[in-house]
PDB file of N, CA and C in Angstrom:
ATOM      1  N   UNK A   1      68.498  90.754 112.957  1.00  0.00           N
ATOM      2  CA  UNK A   1      69.145  91.488 111.888  1.00  0.00           C
ATOM      3  C   UNK A   1      68.100  92.345 111.188  1.00  0.00           C
ATOM      4  N   UNK A   2      68.476  93.568 110.858  1.00  0.00           N
ATOM      5  CA  UNK A   2      67.559  94.455 110.149  1.00  0.00           C
ATOM      6  C   UNK A   2      67.543  94.099 108.666  1.00  0.00           C
ATOM      7  N   UNK A   3      66.497  94.532 108.004  1.00  0.00           N
ATOM      8  CA  UNK A   3      66.394  94.285 106.567  1.00  0.00           C
ATOM      9  C   UNK A   3      67.447  95.093 105.830  1.00  0.00           C
ATOM     10  N   UNK A   4      68.086  94.484 104.836  1.00  0.00           N
ATOM     11  CA  UNK A   4      69.104  95.231 104.086  1.00  0.00           C
ATOM     12  C   UNK A   4      68.460  96.331 103.242  1.00  0.00           C
ATOM     13  N   UNK A   5      69.233  97.318 102.944  1.00  0.00           N
ATOM     14  CA  UNK A   5      68.820  98.398 102.057  1.00  0.00           C
ATOM     15  C   UNK A   5      68.402  97.780 100.713  1.00  0.00           C
ATOM     16  N   UNK A   6      67.217  98.113 100.190  1.00  0.00           N
ATOM     17  CA  UNK A   6      66.760  97.511  98.936  1.00  0.00           C
ATOM     18  C   UNK A   6      67.675  97.812  97.742  1.00  0.00           C
ATOM     19  N   UNK A   7      68.324  98.962  97.750  1.00  0.00           N
ATOM     20  CA  UNK A   7      69.256  99.289  96.663  1.00  0.00           C
ATOM     21  C   UNK A   7      70.444  98.334  96.708  1.00  0.00           C
ATOM     22  N   UNK A   8      70.990  98.160  97.902  1.00  0.00           N
ATOM     23  CA  UNK A   8      72.142  97.268  98.062  1.00  0.00           C
ATOM     24  C   UNK A   8      71.747  95.826  97.731  1.00  0.00           C
ATOM     25  N   UNK A   9      70.557  95.429  98.113  1.00  0.00           N
ATOM     26  CA  UNK A   9      70.072  94.077  97.817  1.00  0.00           C
ATOM     27  C   UNK A   9      70.065  93.827  96.307  1.00  0.00           C
ATOM     28  N   UNK A  10      69.610  94.800  95.536  1.00  0.00           N
ATOM     29  CA  UNK A  10      69.605  94.645  94.071  1.00  0.00           C
ATOM     30  C   UNK A  10      71.022  94.553  93.525  1.00  0.00           C
ATOM     31  N   UNK A  11      71.942  95.301  94.112  1.00  0.00           N
ATOM     32  CA  UNK A  11      73.343  95.230  93.684  1.00  0.00           C
ATOM     33  C   UNK A  11      73.892  93.840  93.990  1.00  0.00           C
ATOM     34  N   UNK A  12      73.630  93.327  95.191  1.00  0.00           N
ATOM     35  CA  UNK A  12      74.103  91.985  95.549  1.00  0.00           C
ATOM     36  C   UNK A  12      73.547  90.945  94.585  1.00  0.00           C
ATOM     37  N   UNK A  13      72.266  91.039  94.293  1.00  0.00           N
ATOM     38  CA  UNK A  13      71.635  90.062  93.401  1.00  0.00           C
ATOM     39  C   UNK A  13      72.220  90.140  91.994  1.00  0.00           C
ATOM     40  N   UNK A  14      72.457  91.348  91.514  1.00  0.00           N
ATOM     41  CA  UNK A  14      73.044  91.494  90.184  1.00  0.00           C
ATOM     42  C   UNK A  14      74.466  90.933  90.155  1.00  0.00           C
ATOM     43  N   UNK A  15      75.283  91.324  91.137  1.00  0.00           N
ATOM     44  CA  UNK A  15      76.662  90.838  91.169  1.00  0.00           C
ATOM     45  C   UNK A  15      76.734  89.329  91.379  1.00  0.00           C
ATOM     46  N   UNK A  16      75.790  88.770  92.108  1.00  0.00           N
ATOM     47  CA  UNK A  16      75.782  87.324  92.350  1.00  0.00           C
ATOM     48  C   UNK A  16      75.742  86.542  91.042  1.00  0.00           C
ATOM     49  N   UNK A  17      75.151  87.124  90.012  1.00  0.00           N
ATOM     50  CA  UNK A  17      75.083  86.453  88.709  1.00  0.00           C
ATOM     51  C   UNK A  17      76.462  86.109  88.176  1.00  0.00           C
ATOM     52  N   UNK A  18      77.466  86.891  88.560  1.00  0.00           N
ATOM     53  CA  UNK A  18      78.827  86.633  88.090  1.00  0.00           C
ATOM     54  C   UNK A  18      79.375  85.312  88.608  1.00  0.00           C
ATOM     55  N   UNK A  19      78.849  84.830  89.722  1.00  0.00           N
ATOM     56  CA  UNK A  19      79.350  83.591  90.322  1.00  0.00           C
ATOM     57  C   UNK A  19      78.484  82.380  90.003  1.00  0.00           C
ATOM     58  N   UNK A  20      77.507  82.522  89.124  1.00  0.00           N
ATOM     59  CA  UNK A  20      76.728  81.350  88.728  1.00  0.00           C
ATOM     60  C   UNK A  20      77.575  80.469  87.818  1.00  0.00           C
ATOM     61  N   UNK A  21      77.355  79.184  87.903  1.00  0.00           N
ATOM     62  CA  UNK A  21      78.128  78.221  87.131  1.00  0.00           C
ATOM     63  C   UNK A  21      77.551  78.113  85.719  1.00  0.00           C
ATOM     64  N   UNK A  22      77.630  79.220  84.998  1.00  0.00           N
ATOM     65  CA  UNK A  22      77.118  79.282  83.627  1.00  0.00           C
ATOM     66  C   UNK A  22      77.853  80.387  82.885  1.00  0.00           C
ATOM     67  N   UNK A  23      77.893  80.291  81.588  1.00  0.00           N
ATOM     68  CA  UNK A  23      78.527  81.338  80.798  1.00  0.00           C
ATOM     69  C   UNK A  23      77.509  82.448  80.571  1.00  0.00           C
ATOM     70  N   UNK A  24      77.850  83.638  81.033  1.00  0.00           N
ATOM     71  CA  UNK A  24      76.931  84.765  80.898  1.00  0.00           C
ATOM     72  C   UNK A  24      76.951  85.299  79.469  1.00  0.00           C
ATOM     73  N   UNK A  25      75.774  85.642  78.994  1.00  0.00           N
ATOM     74  CA  UNK A  25      75.615  86.216  77.661  1.00  0.00           C
ATOM     75  C   UNK A  25      75.665  87.742  77.745  1.00  0.00           C
ATOM     76  N   UNK A  26      75.824  88.372  76.605  1.00  0.00           N
ATOM     77  CA  UNK A  26      75.931  89.827  76.546  1.00  0.00           C
ATOM     78  C   UNK A  26      74.732  90.511  77.202  1.00  0.00           C
ATOM     79  N   UNK A  27      73.533  90.023  76.938  1.00  0.00           N
ATOM     80  CA  UNK A  27      72.345  90.665  77.522  1.00  0.00           C
ATOM     81  C   UNK A  27      72.331  90.548  79.049  1.00  0.00           C
ATOM     82  N   UNK A  28      72.906  89.476  79.584  1.00  0.00           N
ATOM     83  CA  UNK A  28      72.987  89.330  81.038  1.00  0.00           C
ATOM     84  C   UNK A  28      74.003  90.303  81.631  1.00  0.00           C
ATOM     85  N   UNK A  29      75.125  90.480  80.959  1.00  0.00           N
ATOM     86  CA  UNK A  29      76.128  91.443  81.421  1.00  0.00           C
ATOM     87  C   UNK A  29      75.566  92.858  81.360  1.00  0.00           C
ATOM     88  N   UNK A  30      74.795  93.151  80.322  1.00  0.00           N
ATOM     89  CA  UNK A  30      74.161  94.474  80.212  1.00  0.00           C
ATOM     90  C   UNK A  30      73.147  94.681  81.335  1.00  0.00           C
ATOM     91  N   UNK A  31      72.420  93.626  81.691  1.00  0.00           N
ATOM     92  CA  UNK A  31      71.464  93.718  82.799  1.00  0.00           C
ATOM     93  C   UNK A  31      72.202  94.013  84.110  1.00  0.00           C
ATOM     94  N   UNK A  32      73.298  93.315  84.353  1.00  0.00           N
ATOM     95  CA  UNK A  32      74.081  93.554  85.573  1.00  0.00           C
ATOM     96  C   UNK A  32      74.529  95.017  85.608  1.00  0.00           C
ATOM     97  N   UNK A  33      75.092  95.492  84.507  1.00  0.00           N
ATOM     98  CA  UNK A  33      75.553  96.883  84.444  1.00  0.00           C
ATOM     99  C   UNK A  33      74.388  97.846  84.675  1.00  0.00           C
ATOM    100  N   UNK A  34      73.238  97.563  84.111  1.00  0.00           N
ATOM    101  CA  UNK A  34      72.069  98.440  84.281  1.00  0.00           C
ATOM    102  C   UNK A  34      71.626  98.476  85.742  1.00  0.00           C
ATOM    103  N   UNK A  35      71.639  97.327  86.400  1.00  0.00           N
ATOM    104  CA  UNK A  35      71.264  97.281  87.821  1.00  0.00           C
ATOM    105  C   UNK A  35      72.256  98.076  88.672  1.00  0.00           C
ATOM    106  N   UNK A  36      73.533  97.929  88.379  1.00  0.00           N
ATOM    107  CA  UNK A  36      74.553  98.663  89.126  1.00  0.00           C
ATOM    108  C   UNK A  36      74.409 100.162  88.886  1.00  0.00           C
ATOM    109  N   UNK A  37      74.187 100.552  87.655  1.00  0.00           N
ATOM    110  CA  UNK A  37      74.006 101.960  87.317  1.00  0.00           C
ATOM    111  C   UNK A  37      72.776 102.519  88.024  1.00  0.00           C
ATOM    112  N   UNK A  38      71.682 101.764  88.027  1.00  0.00           N
ATOM    113  CA  UNK A  38      70.430 102.209  88.647  1.00  0.00           C
ATOM    114  C   UNK A  38      70.571 102.392  90.157  1.00  0.00           C
ATOM    115  N   UNK A  39      71.552 101.733  90.752  1.00  0.00           N
ATOM    116  CA  UNK A  39      71.736 101.854  92.203  1.00  0.00           C
ATOM    117  C   UNK A  39      72.128 103.274  92.599  1.00  0.00           C
ATOM    118  N   UNK A  40      72.783 103.982  91.692  1.00  0.00           N
ATOM    119  CA  UNK A  40      73.263 105.320  92.008  1.00  0.00           C
ATOM    120  C   UNK A  40      74.518 105.333  92.864  1.00  0.00           C
ATOM    121  N   UNK A  41      75.049 104.156  93.178  1.00  0.00           N
ATOM    122  CA  UNK A  41      76.257 104.081  94.003  1.00  0.00           C
ATOM    123  C   UNK A  41      77.482 104.417  93.165  1.00  0.00           C
ATOM    124  N   UNK A  42      78.469 105.067  93.769  1.00  0.00           N
ATOM    125  CA  UNK A  42      79.695 105.396  93.029  1.00  0.00           C
ATOM    126  C   UNK A  42      80.440 104.124  92.606  1.00  0.00           C
ATOM    127  N   UNK A  43      81.184 104.262  91.549  1.00  0.00           N
ATOM    128  CA  UNK A  43      81.947 103.138  90.985  1.00  0.00           C
ATOM    129  C   UNK A  43      82.833 102.475  92.040  1.00  0.00           C
ATOM    130  N   UNK A  44      83.496 103.271  92.880  1.00  0.00           N
ATOM    131  CA  UNK A  44      84.394 102.716  93.903  1.00  0.00           C
ATOM    132  C   UNK A  44      83.610 101.850  94.902  1.00  0.00           C
ATOM    133  N   UNK A  45      82.413 102.279  95.246  1.00  0.00           N
ATOM    134  CA  UNK A  45      81.590 101.498  96.172  1.00  0.00           C
ATOM    135  C   UNK A  45      81.132 100.203  95.519  1.00  0.00           C
ATOM    136  N   UNK A  46      80.777 100.239  94.249  1.00  0.00           N
ATOM    137  CA  UNK A  46      80.371  99.018  93.548  1.00  0.00           C
ATOM    138  C   UNK A  46      81.520  98.012  93.518  1.00  0.00           C
ATOM    139  N   UNK A  47      82.727  98.500  93.280  1.00  0.00           N
ATOM    140  CA  UNK A  47      83.896  97.616  93.279  1.00  0.00           C
ATOM    141  C   UNK A  47      84.145  97.033  94.668  1.00  0.00           C
ATOM    142  N   UNK A  48      83.949  97.843  95.709  1.00  0.00           N
ATOM    143  CA  UNK A  48      84.122  97.350  97.082  1.00  0.00           C
ATOM    144  C   UNK A  48      83.059  96.312  97.421  1.00  0.00           C
ATOM    145  N   UNK A  49      81.843  96.514  96.977  1.00  0.00           N
ATOM    146  CA  UNK A  49      80.776  95.530  97.220  1.00  0.00           C
ATOM    147  C   UNK A  49      81.129  94.213  96.537  1.00  0.00           C
ATOM    148  N   UNK A  50      81.620  94.292  95.310  1.00  0.00           N
ATOM    149  CA  UNK A  50      82.044  93.104  94.554  1.00  0.00           C
ATOM    150  C   UNK A  50      83.100  92.321  95.335  1.00  0.00           C
ATOM    151  N   UNK A  51      84.131  93.023  95.809  1.00  0.00           N
ATOM    152  CA  UNK A  51      85.264  92.351  96.451  1.00  0.00           C
ATOM    153  C   UNK A  51      85.018  91.974  97.906  1.00  0.00           C
ATOM    154  N   UNK A  52      84.420  92.860  98.690  1.00  0.00           N
ATOM    155  CA  UNK A  52      84.336  92.644 100.135  1.00  0.00           C
ATOM    156  C   UNK A  52      83.018  92.061 100.623  1.00  0.00           C
ATOM    157  N   UNK A  53      81.964  92.172  99.832  1.00  0.00           N
ATOM    158  CA  UNK A  53      80.658  91.696 100.296  1.00  0.00           C
ATOM    159  C   UNK A  53      80.176  90.459  99.551  1.00  0.00           C
ATOM    160  N   UNK A  54      80.297  90.463  98.223  1.00  0.00           N
ATOM    161  CA  UNK A  54      79.748  89.355  97.433  1.00  0.00           C
ATOM    162  C   UNK A  54      80.771  88.239  97.228  1.00  0.00           C
ATOM    163  N   UNK A  55      81.974  88.579  96.805  1.00  0.00           N
ATOM    164  CA  UNK A  55      82.998  87.564  96.514  1.00  0.00           C
ATOM    165  C   UNK A  55      83.279  86.623  97.686  1.00  0.00           C
ATOM    166  N   UNK A  56      83.432  87.138  98.929  1.00  0.00           N
ATOM    167  CA  UNK A  56      83.743  86.210 100.028  1.00  0.00           C
ATOM    168  C   UNK A  56      82.649  85.173 100.287  1.00  0.00           C
ATOM    169  N   UNK A  57      81.436  85.488  99.895  1.00  0.00           N
ATOM    170  CA  UNK A  57      80.323  84.562 100.100  1.00  0.00           C
ATOM    171  C   UNK A  57      80.193  83.554  98.962  1.00  0.00           C
ATOM    172  N   UNK A  58      80.371  84.014  97.731  1.00  0.00           N
ATOM    173  CA  UNK A  58      79.997  83.191  96.575  1.00  0.00           C
ATOM    174  C   UNK A  58      81.136  82.488  95.853  1.00  0.00           C
ATOM    175  N   UNK A  59      82.389  82.854  96.116  1.00  0.00           N
ATOM    176  CA  UNK A  59      83.476  82.266  95.339  1.00  0.00           C
ATOM    177  C   UNK A  59      83.507  80.746  95.333  1.00  0.00           C
ATOM    178  N   UNK A  60      83.134  80.055  96.429  1.00  0.00           N
ATOM    179  CA  UNK A  60      83.211  78.587  96.366  1.00  0.00           C
ATOM    180  C   UNK A  60      82.315  77.971  95.286  1.00  0.00           C
ATOM    181  N   UNK A  61      81.279  78.690  94.868  1.00  0.00           N
ATOM    182  CA  UNK A  61      80.368  78.125  93.868  1.00  0.00           C
ATOM    183  C   UNK A  61      81.075  77.786  92.559  1.00  0.00           C
ATOM    184  N   UNK A  62      82.060  78.582  92.183  1.00  0.00           N
ATOM    185  CA  UNK A  62      82.746  78.320  90.921  1.00  0.00           C
ATOM    186  C   UNK A  62      83.940  77.387  91.072  1.00  0.00           C
ATOM    187  N   UNK A  63      84.218  76.959  92.276  1.00  0.00           N
ATOM    188  CA  UNK A  63      85.324  76.033  92.512  1.00  0.00           C
ATOM    189  C   UNK A  63      84.818  74.642  92.878  1.00  0.00           C
ATOM    190  N   UNK A  64      83.517  74.436  92.763  1.00  0.00           N
ATOM    191  CA  UNK A  64      82.947  73.112  93.029  1.00  0.00           C
ATOM    192  C   UNK A  64      82.539  72.484  91.699  1.00  0.00           C
ATOM    193  N   UNK A  65      82.539  71.164  91.612  1.00  0.00           N
ATOM    194  CA  UNK A  65      82.224  70.500  90.340  1.00  0.00           C
ATOM    195  C   UNK A  65      80.837  70.825  89.786  1.00  0.00           C
ATOM    196  N   UNK A  66      79.867  70.995  90.629  1.00  0.00           N
ATOM    197  CA  UNK A  66      78.506  71.268  90.150  1.00  0.00           C
ATOM    198  C   UNK A  66      77.914  72.418  90.957  1.00  0.00           C
ATOM    199  N   UNK A  67      78.388  73.613  90.673  1.00  0.00           N
ATOM    200  CA  UNK A  67      77.914  74.783  91.401  1.00  0.00           C
ATOM    201  C   UNK A  67      76.517  75.202  90.970  1.00  0.00           C
ATOM    202  N   UNK A  68      75.942  76.099  91.738  1.00  0.00           N
ATOM    203  CA  UNK A  68      74.612  76.624  91.412  1.00  0.00           C
ATOM    204  C   UNK A  68      74.675  77.340  90.075  1.00  0.00           C
ATOM    205  N   UNK A  69      73.694  77.114  89.241  1.00  0.00           N
ATOM    206  CA  UNK A  69      73.670  77.765  87.938  1.00  0.00           C
ATOM    207  C   UNK A  69      72.364  78.533  87.708  1.00  0.00           C
ATOM    208  N   UNK A  70      71.332  78.219  88.474  1.00  0.00           N
ATOM    209  CA  UNK A  70      70.027  78.856  88.257  1.00  0.00           C
ATOM    210  C   UNK A  70      69.825  80.085  89.133  1.00  0.00           C
ATOM    211  N   UNK A  71      70.622  80.242  90.160  1.00  0.00           N
ATOM    212  CA  UNK A  71      70.475  81.386  91.060  1.00  0.00           C
ATOM    213  C   UNK A  71      70.726  80.976  92.496  1.00  0.00           C
ATOM    214  N   UNK A  72      70.865  81.959  93.345  1.00  0.00           N
ATOM    215  CA  UNK A  72      71.106  81.737  94.766  1.00  0.00           C
ATOM    216  C   UNK A  72      69.853  82.107  95.542  1.00  0.00           C
ATOM    217  N   UNK A  73      69.623  81.422  96.644  1.00  0.00           N
ATOM    218  CA  UNK A  73      68.503  81.746  97.511  1.00  0.00           C
ATOM    219  C   UNK A  73      68.635  83.201  97.959  1.00  0.00           C
ATOM    220  N   UNK A  74      67.595  83.989  97.742  1.00  0.00           N
ATOM    221  CA  UNK A  74      67.653  85.435  98.004  1.00  0.00           C
ATOM    222  C   UNK A  74      67.905  85.747  99.478  1.00  0.00           C
ATOM    223  N   UNK A  75      67.265  85.018 100.373  1.00  0.00           N
ATOM    224  CA  UNK A  75      67.444  85.280 101.810  1.00  0.00           C
ATOM    225  C   UNK A  75      68.863  84.923 102.241  1.00  0.00           C
ATOM    226  N   UNK A  76      69.365  83.806 101.773  1.00  0.00           N
ATOM    227  CA  UNK A  76      70.732  83.382 102.098  1.00  0.00           C
ATOM    228  C   UNK A  76      71.740  84.394 101.559  1.00  0.00           C
ATOM    229  N   UNK A  77      71.542  84.834 100.323  1.00  0.00           N
ATOM    230  CA  UNK A  77      72.434  85.815  99.717  1.00  0.00           C
ATOM    231  C   UNK A  77      72.433  87.117 100.515  1.00  0.00           C
ATOM    232  N   UNK A  78      71.254  87.599 100.844  1.00  0.00           N
ATOM    233  CA  UNK A  78      71.145  88.860 101.590  1.00  0.00           C
ATOM    234  C   UNK A  78      71.804  88.754 102.957  1.00  0.00           C
ATOM    235  N   UNK A  79      71.563  87.659 103.663  1.00  0.00           N
ATOM    236  CA  UNK A  79      72.139  87.486 105.001  1.00  0.00           C
ATOM    237  C   UNK A  79      73.670  87.425 104.931  1.00  0.00           C
ATOM    238  N   UNK A  80      74.195  86.666 103.992  1.00  0.00           N
ATOM    239  CA  UNK A  80      75.646  86.531 103.870  1.00  0.00           C
ATOM    240  C   UNK A  80      76.322  87.817 103.441  1.00  0.00           C
ATOM    241  N   UNK A  81      75.750  88.503 102.474  1.00  0.00           N
ATOM    242  CA  UNK A  81      76.337  89.772 102.017  1.00  0.00           C
ATOM    243  C   UNK A  81      76.234  90.839 103.098  1.00  0.00           C
ATOM    244  N   UNK A  82      75.136  90.842 103.847  1.00  0.00           N
ATOM    245  CA  UNK A  82      74.993  91.806 104.942  1.00  0.00           C
ATOM    246  C   UNK A  82      76.049  91.557 106.021  1.00  0.00           C
ATOM    247  N   UNK A  83      76.304  90.290 106.346  1.00  0.00           N
ATOM    248  CA  UNK A  83      77.375  89.975 107.310  1.00  0.00           C
ATOM    249  C   UNK A  83      78.709  90.518 106.807  1.00  0.00           C
ATOM    250  N   UNK A  84      78.984  90.286 105.523  1.00  0.00           N
ATOM    251  CA  UNK A  84      80.244  90.776 104.957  1.00  0.00           C
ATOM    252  C   UNK A  84      80.280  92.293 104.896  1.00  0.00           C
ATOM    253  N   UNK A  85      79.155  92.945 104.671  1.00  0.00           N
ATOM    254  CA  UNK A  85      79.108  94.405 104.677  1.00  0.00           C
ATOM    255  C   UNK A  85      79.499  94.938 106.046  1.00  0.00           C
ATOM    256  N   UNK A  86      78.984  94.287 107.085  1.00  0.00           N
ATOM    257  CA  UNK A  86      79.313  94.709 108.444  1.00  0.00           C
ATOM    258  C   UNK A  86      80.777  94.439 108.778  1.00  0.00           C
ATOM    259  N   UNK A  87      81.353  93.433 108.171  1.00  0.00           N
ATOM    260  CA  UNK A  87      82.762  93.100 108.415  1.00  0.00           C
ATOM    261  C   UNK A  87      83.729  94.007 107.666  1.00  0.00           C
ATOM    262  N   UNK A  88      83.243  94.765 106.704  1.00  0.00           N
ATOM    263  CA  UNK A  88      84.129  95.600 105.876  1.00  0.00           C
ATOM    264  C   UNK A  88      84.959  96.576 106.683  1.00  0.00           C
ATOM    265  N   UNK A  89      84.472  96.997 107.822  1.00  0.00           N
ATOM    266  CA  UNK A  89      85.230  97.928 108.660  1.00  0.00           C
ATOM    267  C   UNK A  89      86.442  97.250 109.297  1.00  0.00           C
ATOM    268  N   UNK A  90      86.427  95.936 109.315  1.00  0.00           N
ATOM    269  CA  UNK A  90      87.503  95.174 109.938  1.00  0.00           C
ATOM    270  C   UNK A  90      88.725  95.094 109.021  1.00  0.00           C
ATOM    271  N   UNK A  91      89.877  95.466 109.541  1.00  0.00           N
ATOM    272  CA  UNK A  91      91.123  95.330 108.787  1.00  0.00           C
ATOM    273  C   UNK A  91      91.371  93.882 108.402  1.00  0.00           C
ATOM    274  N   UNK A  92      91.016  92.970 109.294  1.00  0.00           N
ATOM    275  CA  UNK A  92      91.220  91.543 109.029  1.00  0.00           C
ATOM    276  C   UNK A  92      90.415  91.112 107.805  1.00  0.00           C
ATOM    277  N   UNK A  93      89.150  91.512 107.719  1.00  0.00           N
ATOM    278  CA  UNK A  93      88.297  91.118 106.580  1.00  0.00           C
ATOM    279  C   UNK A  93      88.846  91.704 105.282  1.00  0.00           C
ATOM    280  N   UNK A  94      89.182  92.974 105.282  1.00  0.00           N
ATOM    281  CA  UNK A  94      89.706  93.603 104.069  1.00  0.00           C
ATOM    282  C   UNK A  94      91.030  92.959 103.645  1.00  0.00           C
ATOM    283  N   UNK A  95      91.893  92.678 104.632  1.00  0.00           N
ATOM    284  CA  UNK A  95      93.168  92.038 104.320  1.00  0.00           C
ATOM    285  C   UNK A  95      92.991  90.643 103.762  1.00  0.00           C
ATOM    286  N   UNK A  96      92.087  89.888 104.363  1.00  0.00           N
ATOM    287  CA  UNK A  96      91.803  88.531 103.887  1.00  0.00           C
ATOM    288  C   UNK A  96      91.282  88.575 102.450  1.00  0.00           C
ATOM    289  N   UNK A  97      90.386  89.504 102.174  1.00  0.00           N
ATOM    290  CA  UNK A  97      89.820  89.615 100.830  1.00  0.00           C
ATOM    291  C   UNK A  97      90.879  90.009  99.812  1.00  0.00           C
ATOM    292  N   UNK A  98      91.767  90.922 100.178  1.00  0.00           N
ATOM    293  CA  UNK A  98      92.833  91.313  99.250  1.00  0.00           C
ATOM    294  C   UNK A  98      93.805  90.157  99.023  1.00  0.00           C
ATOM    295  N   UNK A  99      94.119  89.426 100.077  1.00  0.00           N
ATOM    296  CA  UNK A  99      95.027  88.289  99.966  1.00  0.00           C
ATOM    297  C   UNK A  99      94.436  87.185  99.083  1.00  0.00           C
ATOM    298  N   UNK A 100      93.155  86.933  99.242  1.00  0.00           N
ATOM    299  CA  UNK A 100      92.488  85.858  98.507  1.00  0.00           C
ATOM    300  C   UNK A 100      91.788  86.345  97.242  1.00  0.00           C
ATOM    301  N   UNK A 101      92.074  87.562  96.832  1.00  0.00           N
ATOM    302  CA  UNK A 101      91.355  88.175  95.704  1.00  0.00           C
ATOM    303  C   UNK A 101      91.304  87.274  94.476  1.00  0.00           C
ATOM    304  N   UNK A 102      92.446  86.758  94.049  1.00  0.00           N
ATOM    305  CA  UNK A 102      92.447  85.941  92.842  1.00  0.00           C
ATOM    306  C   UNK A 102      91.591  84.701  93.022  1.00  0.00           C
ATOM    307  N   UNK A 103      91.705  84.048  94.159  1.00  0.00           N
ATOM    308  CA  UNK A 103      90.917  82.844  94.423  1.00  0.00           C
ATOM    309  C   UNK A 103      89.423  83.154  94.380  1.00  0.00           C
ATOM    310  N   UNK A 104      89.031  84.275  94.981  1.00  0.00           N
ATOM    311  CA  UNK A 104      87.614  84.616  95.090  1.00  0.00           C
ATOM    312  C   UNK A 104      87.039  85.195  93.802  1.00  0.00           C
ATOM    313  N   UNK A 105      87.857  85.894  93.024  1.00  0.00           N
ATOM    314  CA  UNK A 105      87.310  86.602  91.866  1.00  0.00           C
ATOM    315  C   UNK A 105      87.890  86.150  90.530  1.00  0.00           C
ATOM    316  N   UNK A 106      88.898  85.299  90.550  1.00  0.00           N
ATOM    317  CA  UNK A 106      89.562  84.902  89.307  1.00  0.00           C
ATOM    318  C   UNK A 106      88.631  84.394  88.235  1.00  0.00           C
ATOM    319  N   UNK A 107      87.658  83.603  88.613  1.00  0.00           N
ATOM    320  CA  UNK A 107      86.733  83.026  87.636  1.00  0.00           C
ATOM    321  C   UNK A 107      85.708  84.038  87.128  1.00  0.00           C
ATOM    322  N   UNK A 108      85.600  85.191  87.783  1.00  0.00           N
ATOM    323  CA  UNK A 108      84.601  86.186  87.378  1.00  0.00           C
ATOM    324  C   UNK A 108      85.221  87.401  86.702  1.00  0.00           C
ATOM    325  N   UNK A 109      86.540  87.488  86.686  1.00  0.00           N
ATOM    326  CA  UNK A 109      87.203  88.718  86.237  1.00  0.00           C
ATOM    327  C   UNK A 109      86.859  89.123  84.812  1.00  0.00           C
ATOM    328  N   UNK A 110      86.778  88.184  83.893  1.00  0.00           N
ATOM    329  CA  UNK A 110      86.439  88.528  82.515  1.00  0.00           C
ATOM    330  C   UNK A 110      85.070  89.190  82.422  1.00  0.00           C
ATOM    331  N   UNK A 111      84.086  88.577  83.069  1.00  0.00           N
ATOM    332  CA  UNK A 111      82.734  89.148  83.059  1.00  0.00           C
ATOM    333  C   UNK A 111      82.690  90.464  83.831  1.00  0.00           C
ATOM    334  N   UNK A 112      83.392  90.538  84.961  1.00  0.00           N
ATOM    335  CA  UNK A 112      83.413  91.775  85.749  1.00  0.00           C
ATOM    336  C   UNK A 112      84.017  92.918  84.925  1.00  0.00           C
ATOM    337  N   UNK A 113      85.056  92.630  84.182  1.00  0.00           N
ATOM    338  CA  UNK A 113      85.661  93.666  83.329  1.00  0.00           C
ATOM    339  C   UNK A 113      84.687  94.122  82.246  1.00  0.00           C
ATOM    340  N   UNK A 114      83.930  93.189  81.700  1.00  0.00           N
ATOM    341  CA  UNK A 114      82.922  93.557  80.697  1.00  0.00           C
ATOM    342  C   UNK A 114      81.854  94.467  81.309  1.00  0.00           C
ATOM    343  N   UNK A 115      81.426  94.129  82.514  1.00  0.00           N
ATOM    344  CA  UNK A 115      80.441  94.959  83.212  1.00  0.00           C
ATOM    345  C   UNK A 115      81.032  96.352  83.460  1.00  0.00           C
ATOM    346  N   UNK A 116      82.288  96.413  83.879  1.00  0.00           N
ATOM    347  CA  UNK A 116      82.939  97.704  84.120  1.00  0.00           C
ATOM    348  C   UNK A 116      83.008  98.533  82.840  1.00  0.00           C
ATOM    349  N   UNK A 117      83.310  97.885  81.713  1.00  0.00           N
ATOM    350  CA  UNK A 117      83.339  98.603  80.439  1.00  0.00           C
ATOM    351  C   UNK A 117      81.963  99.160  80.096  1.00  0.00           C
ATOM    352  N   UNK A 118      80.941  98.369  80.338  1.00  0.00           N
ATOM    353  CA  UNK A 118      79.568  98.840  80.096  1.00  0.00           C
ATOM    354  C   UNK A 118      79.233 100.024  80.993  1.00  0.00           C
ATOM    355  N   UNK A 119      79.675  99.958  82.240  1.00  0.00           N
ATOM    356  CA  UNK A 119      79.452 101.090  83.155  1.00  0.00           C
ATOM    357  C   UNK A 119      80.198 102.329  82.658  1.00  0.00           C
ATOM    358  N   UNK A 120      81.434 102.150  82.217  1.00  0.00           N
ATOM    359  CA  UNK A 120      82.225 103.268  81.711  1.00  0.00           C
ATOM    360  C   UNK A 120      81.570 103.910  80.498  1.00  0.00           C
ATOM    361  N   UNK A 121      80.981 103.105  79.636  1.00  0.00           N
ATOM    362  CA  UNK A 121      80.315 103.642  78.447  1.00  0.00           C
ATOM    363  C   UNK A 121      79.164 104.560  78.837  1.00  0.00           C
ATOM    364  N   UNK A 122      78.473 104.206  79.892  1.00  0.00           N
ATOM    365  CA  UNK A 122      77.334 105.014  80.312  1.00  0.00           C
ATOM    366  C   UNK A 122      77.757 106.246  81.108  1.00  0.00           C
ATOM    367  N   UNK A 123      78.881 106.150  81.834  1.00  0.00           N
ATOM    368  CA  UNK A 123      79.319 107.270  82.668  1.00  0.00           C
ATOM    369  C   UNK A 123      80.021 108.353  81.841  1.00  0.00           C
ATOM    370  N   UNK A 124      80.391 108.058  80.606  1.00  0.00           N
ATOM    371  CA  UNK A 124      81.116 109.048  79.781  1.00  0.00           C
ATOM    372  C   UNK A 124      80.276 109.557  78.654  1.00  0.00           C
TER     373      UNK A 124
END
């Protein structure tokens, strides 16, 4: 496997924070938004990365009694998100993600919306 794009890697790492088993503070949400903004990726692509690349890998963490709270192994995160990035072209993967959207992202939606609002503030 080739090394992932460093910009995308930073986006994955920032978004992964949404699935940690901890309550995120305002400064953490601002950091996530800043990392996403610094990527230079369009808003639609950031949303697709959230749903199709990061969520399918990390959602189980928030549905287990004692999920990871300090962070995810960087190599494991990169490998899993890269696999999901490659699967995005597949209708099956996109359909599965849309079908399971609430299950995969339900616990992160409040924080994700806050991050989106922060992004909107900077884009306008």
